[in-house]
Amino acid sequence: MGFESNPKKCAEDMGRSSSEEDRLSGLADGVVYSILSMLPLKYAVHTSALFTKWAHKWLHALAASEVLDFTDRDFVRGQSPAQIAATVDSVLAIHGSAPIRVLRVALSPLDAVRRGVVVGWIAAALGRGAREVGVDLARRGVLDYAKGRASLLQLPGDLFQVENSLSVLSLGRCRIRDIPQGAAGFAGVTSLSLDRVDVTDDALRDLVSECRLLEFLSLRSCHLLVSVRVAGERLRGLEIVGCMSTRDLQVAAPALVSFAFYGDILYSRDYYGETEPVEFIGKDNTTTQGRRRMPPRRSCETRTCPTSASADTTS
């Protein structure tokens, strides 16, 4: 059975669609911005294709918010890096000097975008009072770590030199080297997450020492870390995942309540060179030991403050 087109019905449908667009386009800008601000980013973008008069309204709607989030998976998947960068630039330009509370950007790969542009986004957010900054430049599908390092973003040492309102910092696929002493921009950071970041032992130690209010630290696939030293009076949570080059781990954190490690089994060496399971010393001076297993391929040392420390461990 075949289907015949009905010109009259098609004309009616087109007229109805045009009428609906006219009614929607006639809405006040404030109403339109309110509608768009409640939509996920990918759907807000699609409105420009559905209603031509809304082509730039979603940009203005996003710019009107203090939360600038460009990490929606569907949005990122459907846009090239250059398109995402152009969107971020446009929103920041429209946003002007208005306060920014949160900036999150996911961009992959970085090759198509000038590195100075990304640094400029971070600087703009910090300058406008951002409390949370998240930049994920992870290059999906790159299995060879050495080959992927060429596209890492080098963060300039003076980016966090000036005092700001930053509390939560999350970085993916960046390079951190020299941390200037007294970097006031890190002073208020309470949560720090580094994912596939090129950071050396010394740079991490300097970075953590500048984050004097740090309560949570996450290190994921940071393959330059060999001998990790973490110290923090306020540190309550620590996770180390997939940092496969790590050989030694020392933690001085009297307020620590949770510790998560994913990788080779942690062992410590006593003064006689014997390999023993890691011990966690609790606030009540009790100790919790891991079970002895087959000899490890590497040994790791975990220390706690001599006065008081605690850790919750799960097997």
C-alpha atoms as a PDB file:
ATOM      1  CA  MET A   1       0.000   0.000   0.000  1.00  0.00           C
ATOM      2  CA  GLY A   2       1.422   3.357  -0.991  1.00  0.00           C
ATOM      3  CA  PHE A   3       1.071   6.697   0.700  1.00  0.00           C
ATOM      4  CA  GLU A   4       0.138   9.810  -1.199  1.00  0.00           C
ATOM      5  CA  SER A   5       1.167  13.251  -0.076  1.00  0.00           C
ATOM      6  CA  ASN A   6      -1.536  15.741   0.808  1.00  0.00           C
ATOM      7  CA  PRO A   7      -0.468  19.246  -0.294  1.00  0.00           C
ATOM      8  CA  LYS A   8      -3.267  20.861   1.696  1.00  0.00           C
ATOM      9  CA  LYS A   9      -2.284  19.060   4.899  1.00  0.00           C
ATOM     10  CA  CYS A  10       1.402  19.935   4.387  1.00  0.00           C
ATOM     11  CA  ALA A  11       0.496  23.582   3.936  1.00  0.00           C
ATOM     12  CA  GLU A  12      -1.588  23.498   7.104  1.00  0.00           C
ATOM     13  CA  ASP A  13       1.293  21.913   9.055  1.00  0.00           C
ATOM     14  CA  MET A  14       3.730  24.530   7.785  1.00  0.00           C
ATOM     15  CA  GLY A  15       1.322  27.292   8.681  1.00  0.00           C
ATOM     16  CA  ARG A  16       0.833  25.849  12.155  1.00  0.00           C
ATOM     17  CA  SER A  17       4.619  25.579  12.675  1.00  0.00           C
ATOM     18  CA  SER A  18       5.106  29.166  11.513  1.00  0.00           C
ATOM     19  CA  SER A  19       2.332  30.341  13.802  1.00  0.00           C
ATOM     20  CA  GLU A  20       3.868  28.522  16.782  1.00  0.00           C
ATOM     21  CA  GLU A  21       7.258  30.073  16.045  1.00  0.00           C
ATOM     22  CA  ASP A  22       5.683  33.519  15.813  1.00  0.00           C
ATOM     23  CA  ARG A  23       4.010  33.070  19.196  1.00  0.00           C
ATOM     24  CA  LEU A  24       7.225  31.849  20.827  1.00  0.00           C
ATOM     25  CA  SER A  25       9.310  34.558  19.197  1.00  0.00           C
ATOM     26  CA  GLY A  26       6.895  37.128  20.551  1.00  0.00           C
ATOM     27  CA  LEU A  27       7.689  36.224  24.143  1.00  0.00           C
ATOM     28  CA  ALA A  28       9.485  38.827  26.207  1.00  0.00           C
ATOM     29  CA  ASP A  29      13.255  38.361  26.428  1.00  0.00           C
ATOM     30  CA  GLY A  30      13.028  37.811  30.173  1.00  0.00           C
ATOM     31  CA  VAL A  31      10.627  34.901  29.660  1.00  0.00           C
ATOM     32  CA  VAL A  32      12.786  33.412  26.896  1.00  0.00           C
ATOM     33  CA  TYR A  33      15.923  33.657  29.039  1.00  0.00           C
ATOM     34  CA  SER A  34      14.090  32.018  31.923  1.00  0.00           C
ATOM     35  CA  ILE A  35      13.022  29.109  29.695  1.00  0.00           C
ATOM     36  CA  LEU A  36      16.467  28.641  28.178  1.00  0.00           C
ATOM     37  CA  SER A  37      18.247  28.852  31.530  1.00  0.00           C
ATOM     38  CA  MET A  38      16.316  25.780  32.707  1.00  0.00           C
ATOM     39  CA  LEU A  39      17.254  23.683  29.664  1.00  0.00           C
ATOM     40  CA  PRO A  40      20.377  21.488  29.439  1.00  0.00           C
ATOM     41  CA  LEU A  41      23.007  23.200  27.310  1.00  0.00           C
ATOM     42  CA  LYS A  42      22.558  20.935  24.277  1.00  0.00           C
ATOM     43  CA  TYR A  43      18.803  21.649  24.108  1.00  0.00           C
ATOM     44  CA  ALA A  44      19.329  25.368  24.550  1.00  0.00           C
ATOM     45  CA  VAL A  45      21.686  25.311  21.576  1.00  0.00           C
ATOM     46  CA  HIS A  46      19.153  23.388  19.478  1.00  0.00           C
ATOM     47  CA  THR A  47      16.559  26.135  19.910  1.00  0.00           C
ATOM     48  CA  SER A  48      18.515  28.299  17.483  1.00  0.00           C
ATOM     49  CA  ALA A  49      17.818  25.708  14.780  1.00  0.00           C
ATOM     50  CA  LEU A  50      14.129  25.446  15.642  1.00  0.00           C
ATOM     51  CA  PHE A  51      13.392  29.131  16.008  1.00  0.00           C
ATOM     52  CA  THR A  52      15.561  31.442  13.945  1.00  0.00           C
ATOM     53  CA  LYS A  53      14.837  34.481  16.089  1.00  0.00           C
ATOM     54  CA  TRP A  54      16.282  32.615  19.095  1.00  0.00           C
ATOM     55  CA  ALA A  55      19.648  32.148  17.381  1.00  0.00           C
ATOM     56  CA  HIS A  56      21.619  34.110  19.967  1.00  0.00           C
ATOM     57  CA  LYS A  57      19.164  34.226  22.843  1.00  0.00           C
ATOM     58  CA  TRP A  58      20.531  31.037  24.435  1.00  0.00           C
ATOM     59  CA  LEU A  59      23.984  32.637  24.569  1.00  0.00           C
ATOM     60  CA  HIS A  60      22.540  35.618  26.418  1.00  0.00           C
ATOM     61  CA  ALA A  61      20.565  33.293  28.697  1.00  0.00           C
ATOM     62  CA  LEU A  62      23.715  31.371  29.617  1.00  0.00           C
ATOM     63  CA  ALA A  63      25.685  34.576  30.071  1.00  0.00           C
ATOM     64  CA  ALA A  64      23.037  35.865  32.479  1.00  0.00           C
ATOM     65  CA  SER A  65      23.850  33.057  34.906  1.00  0.00           C
ATOM     66  CA  GLU A  66      26.672  33.030  37.452  1.00  0.00           C
ATOM     67  CA  VAL A  67      27.220  29.335  36.660  1.00  0.00           C
ATOM     68  CA  LEU A  68      28.912  28.815  33.278  1.00  0.00           C
ATOM     69  CA  ASP A  69      28.992  25.073  32.645  1.00  0.00           C
ATOM     70  CA  PHE A  70      30.225  23.799  29.280  1.00  0.00           C
ATOM     71  CA  THR A  71      30.710  20.165  30.307  1.00  0.00           C
ATOM     72  CA  ASP A  72      27.412  18.661  29.108  1.00  0.00           C
ATOM     73  CA  ARG A  73      28.478  15.419  27.398  1.00  0.00           C
ATOM     74  CA  ASP A  74      26.024  15.673  24.534  1.00  0.00           C
ATOM     75  CA  PHE A  75      26.980  19.289  23.908  1.00  0.00           C
ATOM     76  CA  VAL A  76      30.703  18.487  23.902  1.00  0.00           C
ATOM     77  CA  ARG A  77      30.189  15.432  21.679  1.00  0.00           C
ATOM     78  CA  GLY A  78      28.281  17.429  19.090  1.00  0.00           C
ATOM     79  CA  GLN A  79      30.736  20.336  18.879  1.00  0.00           C
ATOM     80  CA  SER A  80      34.273  20.616  17.577  1.00  0.00           C
ATOM     81  CA  PRO A  81      36.909  22.068  19.950  1.00  0.00           C
ATOM     82  CA  ALA A  82      36.922  25.266  17.880  1.00  0.00           C
ATOM     83  CA  GLN A  83      33.138  25.563  18.176  1.00  0.00           C
ATOM     84  CA  ILE A  84      33.226  25.016  21.935  1.00  0.00           C
ATOM     85  CA  ALA A  85      35.979  27.609  22.282  1.00  0.00           C
ATOM     86  CA  ALA A  86      33.970  30.093  20.214  1.00  0.00           C
ATOM     87  CA  THR A  87      30.932  29.493  22.425  1.00  0.00           C
ATOM     88  CA  VAL A  88      32.918  30.050  25.621  1.00  0.00           C
ATOM     89  CA  ASP A  89      34.462  33.218  24.174  1.00  0.00           C
ATOM     90  CA  SER A  90      31.044  34.549  23.152  1.00  0.00           C
ATOM     91  CA  VAL A  91      29.449  33.855  26.526  1.00  0.00           C
ATOM     92  CA  LEU A  92      32.325  35.464  28.436  1.00  0.00           C
ATOM     93  CA  ALA A  93      32.170  38.505  26.147  1.00  0.00           C
ATOM     94  CA  ILE A  94      28.405  38.876  26.651  1.00  0.00           C
ATOM     95  CA  HIS A  95      28.840  38.247  30.364  1.00  0.00           C
ATOM     96  CA  GLY A  96      31.043  41.308  30.547  1.00  0.00           C
ATOM     97  CA  SER A  97      32.324  42.062  34.035  1.00  0.00           C
ATOM     98  CA  ALA A  98      29.393  40.391  35.809  1.00  0.00           C
ATOM     99  CA  PRO A  99      30.314  38.015  38.659  1.00  0.00           C
ATOM    100  CA  ILE A 100      31.043  34.364  37.854  1.00  0.00           C
ATOM    101  CA  ARG A 101      30.518  31.797  40.587  1.00  0.00           C
ATOM    102  CA  VAL A 102      31.350  28.622  38.639  1.00  0.00           C
ATOM    103  CA  LEU A 103      33.239  27.971  35.399  1.00  0.00           C
ATOM    104  CA  ARG A 104      33.441  24.429  34.032  1.00  0.00           C
ATOM    105  CA  VAL A 105      34.857  23.630  30.593  1.00  0.00           C
ATOM    106  CA  ALA A 106      35.454  20.287  28.862  1.00  0.00           C
ATOM    107  CA  LEU A 107      37.501  20.484  25.689  1.00  0.00           C
ATOM    108  CA  SER A 108      39.205  17.710  23.731  1.00  0.00           C
ATOM    109  CA  PRO A 109      41.589  17.699  22.043  1.00  0.00           C
ATOM    110  CA  LEU A 110      43.414  20.899  22.921  1.00  0.00           C
ATOM    111  CA  ASP A 111      45.396  21.017  19.670  1.00  0.00           C
ATOM    112  CA  ALA A 112      42.686  22.940  17.816  1.00  0.00           C
ATOM    113  CA  VAL A 113      42.585  25.761  20.370  1.00  0.00           C
ATOM    114  CA  ARG A 114      45.329  28.202  21.307  1.00  0.00           C
ATOM    115  CA  ARG A 115      46.529  27.459  24.828  1.00  0.00           C
ATOM    116  CA  GLY A 116      46.518  31.123  25.763  1.00  0.00           C
ATOM    117  CA  VAL A 117      42.760  31.192  25.179  1.00  0.00           C
ATOM    118  CA  VAL A 118      42.119  28.569  27.875  1.00  0.00           C
ATOM    119  CA  VAL A 119      44.429  30.337  30.318  1.00  0.00           C
ATOM    120  CA  GLY A 120      42.482  33.519  29.574  1.00  0.00           C
ATOM    121  CA  TRP A 121      39.210  31.803  30.520  1.00  0.00           C
ATOM    122  CA  ILE A 122      40.637  30.741  33.868  1.00  0.00           C
ATOM    123  CA  ALA A 123      42.051  34.208  34.520  1.00  0.00           C
ATOM    124  CA  ALA A 124      38.712  35.822  33.610  1.00  0.00           C
ATOM    125  CA  ALA A 125      36.791  33.538  35.966  1.00  0.00           C
ATOM    126  CA  LEU A 126      39.209  34.156  38.831  1.00  0.00           C
ATOM    127  CA  GLY A 127      39.076  37.889  38.209  1.00  0.00           C
ATOM    128  CA  ARG A 128      35.281  37.848  38.473  1.00  0.00           C
ATOM    129  CA  GLY A 129      35.171  36.052  41.802  1.00  0.00           C
ATOM    130  CA  ALA A 130      34.748  32.410  40.753  1.00  0.00           C
ATOM    131  CA  ARG A 131      34.592  29.984  43.677  1.00  0.00           C
ATOM    132  CA  GLU A 132      34.829  26.908  41.451  1.00  0.00           C
ATOM    133  CA  VAL A 133      36.923  26.400  38.322  1.00  0.00           C
ATOM    134  CA  GLY A 134      37.038  23.121  36.429  1.00  0.00           C
ATOM    135  CA  VAL A 135      38.964  22.665  33.187  1.00  0.00           C
ATOM    136  CA  ASP A 136      39.030  19.183  31.641  1.00  0.00           C
ATOM    137  CA  LEU A 137      41.275  18.934  28.601  1.00  0.00           C
ATOM    138  CA  ALA A 138      41.468  15.142  28.638  1.00  0.00           C
ATOM    139  CA  ARG A 139      42.129  13.733  25.214  1.00  0.00           C
ATOM    140  CA  ARG A 140      39.716  10.830  24.924  1.00  0.00           C
ATOM    141  CA  GLY A 141      41.009   7.686  23.279  1.00  0.00           C
ATOM    142  CA  VAL A 142      44.724   8.435  23.765  1.00  0.00           C
ATOM    143  CA  LEU A 143      46.128   5.279  25.345  1.00  0.00           C
ATOM    144  CA  ASP A 144      49.805   6.151  24.962  1.00  0.00           C
ATOM    145  CA  TYR A 145      50.513   8.597  27.759  1.00  0.00           C
ATOM    146  CA  ALA A 146      53.866   9.703  26.333  1.00  0.00           C
ATOM    147  CA  LYS A 147      52.335  10.569  22.951  1.00  0.00           C
ATOM    148  CA  GLY A 148      49.522  12.533  24.567  1.00  0.00           C
ATOM    149  CA  ARG A 149      51.788  14.726  26.698  1.00  0.00           C
ATOM    150  CA  ALA A 150      52.540  17.051  23.784  1.00  0.00           C
ATOM    151  CA  SER A 151      49.028  18.498  23.977  1.00  0.00           C
ATOM    152  CA  LEU A 152      49.122  19.322  27.688  1.00  0.00           C
ATOM    153  CA  LEU A 153      48.296  22.852  28.780  1.00  0.00           C
ATOM    154  CA  GLN A 154      51.106  24.524  30.698  1.00  0.00           C
ATOM    155  CA  LEU A 155      49.632  26.669  33.461  1.00  0.00           C
ATOM    156  CA  PRO A 156      51.744  29.806  34.002  1.00  0.00           C
ATOM    157  CA  GLY A 157      53.132  30.209  37.491  1.00  0.00           C
ATOM    158  CA  ASP A 158      51.622  33.653  38.001  1.00  0.00           C
ATOM    159  CA  LEU A 159      48.045  32.586  37.154  1.00  0.00           C
ATOM    160  CA  PHE A 160      47.234  32.070  40.829  1.00  0.00           C
ATOM    161  CA  GLN A 161      49.557  34.719  42.220  1.00  0.00           C
ATOM    162  CA  VAL A 162      46.791  37.201  43.069  1.00  0.00           C
ATOM    163  CA  GLU A 163      44.302  36.636  45.888  1.00  0.00           C
ATOM    164  CA  ASN A 164      40.914  35.406  44.706  1.00  0.00           C
ATOM    165  CA  SER A 165      37.738  33.640  45.906  1.00  0.00           C
ATOM    166  CA  LEU A 166      38.642  30.181  44.576  1.00  0.00           C
ATOM    167  CA  SER A 167      37.524  27.241  46.722  1.00  0.00           C
ATOM    168  CA  VAL A 168      37.218  24.286  44.312  1.00  0.00           C
ATOM    169  CA  LEU A 169      39.821  23.637  41.599  1.00  0.00           C
ATOM    170  CA  SER A 170      39.651  20.717  39.169  1.00  0.00           C
ATOM    171  CA  LEU A 171      42.189  20.283  36.375  1.00  0.00           C
ATOM    172  CA  GLY A 172      42.395  17.612  33.695  1.00  0.00           C
ATOM    173  CA  ARG A 173      45.320  17.156  31.333  1.00  0.00           C
ATOM    174  CA  CYS A 174      47.401  20.146  32.321  1.00  0.00           C
ATOM    175  CA  ARG A 175      51.031  20.636  33.263  1.00  0.00           C
ATOM    176  CA  ILE A 176      51.991  22.160  36.610  1.00  0.00           C
ATOM    177  CA  ARG A 177      55.600  22.974  37.345  1.00  0.00           C
ATOM    178  CA  ASP A 178      56.876  25.919  39.371  1.00  0.00           C
ATOM    179  CA  ILE A 179      54.489  27.026  42.102  1.00  0.00           C
ATOM    180  CA  PRO A 180      55.530  30.493  43.311  1.00  0.00           C
ATOM    181  CA  GLN A 181      55.955  30.753  47.048  1.00  0.00           C
ATOM    182  CA  GLY A 182      53.130  32.658  48.669  1.00  0.00           C
ATOM    183  CA  ALA A 183      50.709  32.125  45.757  1.00  0.00           C
ATOM    184  CA  ALA A 184      47.708  33.859  47.315  1.00  0.00           C
ATOM    185  CA  GLY A 185      45.342  32.417  44.711  1.00  0.00           C
ATOM    186  CA  PHE A 186      45.523  28.980  46.342  1.00  0.00           C
ATOM    187  CA  ALA A 187      45.016  30.201  49.897  1.00  0.00           C
ATOM    188  CA  GLY A 188      41.256  29.529  49.968  1.00  0.00           C
ATOM    189  CA  VAL A 189      41.200  26.242  48.034  1.00  0.00           C
ATOM    190  CA  THR A 190      39.417  23.502  50.003  1.00  0.00           C
ATOM    191  CA  SER A 191      39.081  20.905  47.215  1.00  0.00           C
ATOM    192  CA  LEU A 192      41.780  20.080  44.648  1.00  0.00           C
ATOM    193  CA  SER A 193      41.410  17.439  41.914  1.00  0.00           C
ATOM    194  CA  LEU A 194      44.149  16.616  39.408  1.00  0.00           C
ATOM    195  CA  ASP A 195      43.353  14.148  36.618  1.00  0.00           C
ATOM    196  CA  ARG A 196      46.077  13.138  34.144  1.00  0.00           C
ATOM    197  CA  VAL A 197      48.085  16.165  35.174  1.00  0.00           C
ATOM    198  CA  ASP A 198      51.841  16.397  34.665  1.00  0.00           C
ATOM    199  CA  VAL A 199      52.896  17.370  38.162  1.00  0.00           C
ATOM    200  CA  THR A 200      56.191  16.446  39.783  1.00  0.00           C
ATOM    201  CA  ASP A 201      56.711  15.436  43.407  1.00  0.00           C
ATOM    202  CA  ASP A 202      58.143  18.832  44.298  1.00  0.00           C
ATOM    203  CA  ALA A 203      55.438  20.768  42.464  1.00  0.00           C
ATOM    204  CA  LEU A 204      52.685  18.784  44.206  1.00  0.00           C
ATOM    205  CA  ARG A 205      54.263  19.339  47.602  1.00  0.00           C
ATOM    206  CA  ASP A 206      54.549  23.083  46.946  1.00  0.00           C
ATOM    207  CA  LEU A 207      50.989  23.241  45.602  1.00  0.00           C
ATOM    208  CA  VAL A 208      49.466  21.453  48.591  1.00  0.00           C
ATOM    209  CA  SER A 209      51.453  23.609  51.004  1.00  0.00           C
ATOM    210  CA  GLU A 210      49.953  26.746  49.420  1.00  0.00           C
ATOM    211  CA  CYS A 211      46.412  25.322  49.824  1.00  0.00           C
ATOM    212  CA  ARG A 212      46.328  25.956  53.554  1.00  0.00           C
ATOM    213  CA  LEU A 213      42.577  25.263  53.867  1.00  0.00           C
ATOM    214  CA  LEU A 214      42.659  22.057  51.793  1.00  0.00           C
ATOM    215  CA  GLU A 215      40.136  19.434  52.925  1.00  0.00           C
ATOM    216  CA  PHE A 216      40.006  17.093  49.919  1.00  0.00           C
ATOM    217  CA  LEU A 217      42.728  16.014  47.487  1.00  0.00           C
ATOM    218  CA  SER A 218      42.253  13.734  44.477  1.00  0.00           C
ATOM    219  CA  LEU A 219      45.124  12.521  42.295  1.00  0.00           C
ATOM    220  CA  ARG A 220      44.199  10.440  39.241  1.00  0.00           C
ATOM    221  CA  SER A 221      46.611   9.066  36.651  1.00  0.00           C
ATOM    222  CA  CYS A 222      49.333  11.570  37.524  1.00  0.00           C
ATOM    223  CA  HIS A 223      52.169   9.441  36.184  1.00  0.00           C
ATOM    224  CA  LEU A 224      55.087  11.705  37.119  1.00  0.00           C
ATOM    225  CA  LEU A 225      54.451  11.226  40.832  1.00  0.00           C
ATOM    226  CA  VAL A 226      57.004   8.873  42.366  1.00  0.00           C
ATOM    227  CA  SER A 227      57.471   9.903  45.986  1.00  0.00           C
ATOM    228  CA  VAL A 228      54.279  11.591  47.172  1.00  0.00           C
ATOM    229  CA  ARG A 229      54.334  13.777  50.284  1.00  0.00           C
ATOM    230  CA  VAL A 230      50.994  15.152  51.454  1.00  0.00           C
ATOM    231  CA  ALA A 231      50.633  17.268  54.586  1.00  0.00           C
ATOM    232  CA  GLY A 232      47.621  19.262  55.686  1.00  0.00           C
ATOM    233  CA  GLU A 233      46.159  20.189  59.043  1.00  0.00           C
ATOM    234  CA  ARG A 234      42.617  20.311  57.620  1.00  0.00           C
ATOM    235  CA  LEU A 235      42.846  17.465  55.090  1.00  0.00           C
ATOM    236  CA  ARG A 236      39.914  15.087  55.612  1.00  0.00           C
ATOM    237  CA  GLY A 237      39.775  13.141  52.359  1.00  0.00           C
ATOM    238  CA  LEU A 238      42.529  11.767  50.117  1.00  0.00           C
ATOM    239  CA  GLU A 239      42.236   9.583  47.020  1.00  0.00           C
ATOM    240  CA  ILE A 240      45.009   8.340  44.772  1.00  0.00           C
ATOM    241  CA  VAL A 241      43.898   6.467  41.673  1.00  0.00           C
ATOM    242  CA  GLY A 242      46.045   5.017  38.902  1.00  0.00           C
ATOM    243  CA  CYS A 243      49.252   6.929  39.695  1.00  0.00           C
ATOM    244  CA  MET A 244      51.269   3.943  38.542  1.00  0.00           C
ATOM    245  CA  SER A 245      54.765   5.397  39.027  1.00  0.00           C
ATOM    246  CA  THR A 246      54.262   6.101  42.723  1.00  0.00           C
ATOM    247  CA  ARG A 247      56.733   4.225  44.936  1.00  0.00           C
ATOM    248  CA  ASP A 248      56.450   6.032  48.266  1.00  0.00           C
ATOM    249  CA  LEU A 249      53.571   7.753  49.983  1.00  0.00           C
ATOM    250  CA  GLN A 250      53.781   9.813  53.146  1.00  0.00           C
ATOM    251  CA  VAL A 251      50.707  11.458  54.613  1.00  0.00           C
ATOM    252  CA  ALA A 252      50.691  13.849  57.562  1.00  0.00           C
ATOM    253  CA  ALA A 253      47.053  14.736  58.153  1.00  0.00           C
ATOM    254  CA  PRO A 254      45.693  14.716  61.718  1.00  0.00           C
ATOM    255  CA  ALA A 255      42.107  15.343  60.536  1.00  0.00           C
ATOM    256  CA  LEU A 256      42.079  12.587  57.878  1.00  0.00           C
ATOM    257  CA  VAL A 257      38.882  10.512  57.958  1.00  0.00           C
ATOM    258  CA  SER A 258      38.918   8.808  54.543  1.00  0.00           C
ATOM    259  CA  PHE A 259      41.642   7.439  52.301  1.00  0.00           C
ATOM    260  CA  ALA A 260      41.113   5.664  48.975  1.00  0.00           C
ATOM    261  CA  PHE A 261      43.884   4.049  46.961  1.00  0.00           C
ATOM    262  CA  TYR A 262      43.500   2.197  43.673  1.00  0.00           C
ATOM    263  CA  GLY A 263      46.616   0.581  42.285  1.00  0.00           C
ATOM    264  CA  ASP A 264      49.243  -1.837  43.578  1.00  0.00           C
ATOM    265  CA  ILE A 265      48.779  -2.876  47.208  1.00  0.00           C
ATOM    266  CA  LEU A 266      50.397  -0.424  49.604  1.00  0.00           C
ATOM    267  CA  TYR A 267      53.150  -1.753  51.848  1.00  0.00           C
ATOM    268  CA  SER A 268      55.494  -0.036  54.271  1.00  0.00           C
ATOM    269  CA  ARG A 269      59.047  -0.855  55.220  1.00  0.00           C
ATOM    270  CA  ASP A 270      60.125  -0.886  58.828  1.00  0.00           C
ATOM    271  CA  TYR A 271      63.529   0.174  60.065  1.00  0.00           C
ATOM    272  CA  TYR A 272      64.908  -3.339  59.513  1.00  0.00           C
ATOM    273  CA  GLY A 273      63.894  -3.379  55.875  1.00  0.00           C
ATOM    274  CA  GLU A 274      61.077  -5.860  56.406  1.00  0.00           C
ATOM    275  CA  THR A 275      57.978  -5.417  54.275  1.00  0.00           C
ATOM    276  CA  GLU A 276      54.840  -4.990  56.378  1.00  0.00           C
ATOM    277  CA  PRO A 277      51.232  -4.105  55.631  1.00  0.00           C
ATOM    278  CA  VAL A 278      50.388  -0.438  55.929  1.00  0.00           C
ATOM    279  CA  GLU A 279      49.202   0.654  59.367  1.00  0.00           C
ATOM    280  CA  PHE A 280      46.653   3.397  59.943  1.00  0.00           C
ATOM    281  CA  ILE A 281      46.849   4.929  63.395  1.00  0.00           C
ATOM    282  CA  GLY A 282      43.471   6.087  64.657  1.00  0.00           C
ATOM    283  CA  LYS A 283      42.628   8.866  67.079  1.00  0.00           C
ATOM    284  CA  ASP A 284      42.224   6.307  69.848  1.00  0.00           C
ATOM    285  CA  ASN A 285      45.742   5.008  69.138  1.00  0.00           C
ATOM    286  CA  THR A 286      44.391   1.775  67.658  1.00  0.00           C
ATOM    287  CA  THR A 287      45.964   0.394  64.518  1.00  0.00           C
ATOM    288  CA  THR A 288      44.403  -1.183  61.468  1.00  0.00           C
ATOM    289  CA  GLN A 289      46.563  -3.430  59.324  1.00  0.00           C
ATOM    290  CA  GLY A 290      46.069  -4.646  55.797  1.00  0.00           C
ATOM    291  CA  ARG A 291      46.421  -8.345  55.110  1.00  0.00           C
ATOM    292  CA  ARG A 292      49.777  -9.696  53.985  1.00  0.00           C
ATOM    293  CA  ARG A 293      49.692 -10.887  50.422  1.00  0.00           C
ATOM    294  CA  MET A 294      52.201 -11.942  47.808  1.00  0.00           C
ATOM    295  CA  PRO A 295      55.357  -9.774  47.649  1.00  0.00           C
ATOM    296  CA  PRO A 296      54.587  -6.487  45.933  1.00  0.00           C
ATOM    297  CA  ARG A 297      56.272  -5.250  42.816  1.00  0.00           C
ATOM    298  CA  ARG A 298      56.995  -2.029  44.642  1.00  0.00           C
ATOM    299  CA  SER A 299      56.843  -0.815  48.204  1.00  0.00           C
ATOM    300  CA  CYS A 300      54.988   2.223  49.467  1.00  0.00           C
ATOM    301  CA  GLU A 301      55.337   3.932  52.800  1.00  0.00           C
ATOM    302  CA  THR A 302      52.411   5.544  54.581  1.00  0.00           C
ATOM    303  CA  ARG A 303      52.998   7.713  57.618  1.00  0.00           C
ATOM    304  CA  THR A 304      50.676   9.644  59.844  1.00  0.00           C
ATOM    305  CA  CYS A 305      51.264  12.493  62.248  1.00  0.00           C
ATOM    306  CA  PRO A 306      52.803  11.201  65.500  1.00  0.00           C
ATOM    307  CA  THR A 307      50.120  12.931  67.569  1.00  0.00           C
ATOM    308  CA  SER A 308      46.809  11.905  66.039  1.00  0.00           C
ATOM    309  CA  ALA A 309      45.487  10.684  62.726  1.00  0.00           C
ATOM    310  CA  SER A 310      42.640   8.581  61.489  1.00  0.00           C
ATOM    311  CA  ALA A 311      41.704   6.710  58.374  1.00  0.00           C
ATOM    312  CA  ASP A 312      38.720   4.635  57.358  1.00  0.00           C
ATOM    313  CA  THR A 313      39.754   1.704  55.158  1.00  0.00           C
ATOM    314  CA  THR A 314      37.653  -0.748  53.260  1.00  0.00           C
ATOM    315  CA  SER A 315      38.814  -3.923  51.672  1.00  0.00           C
END
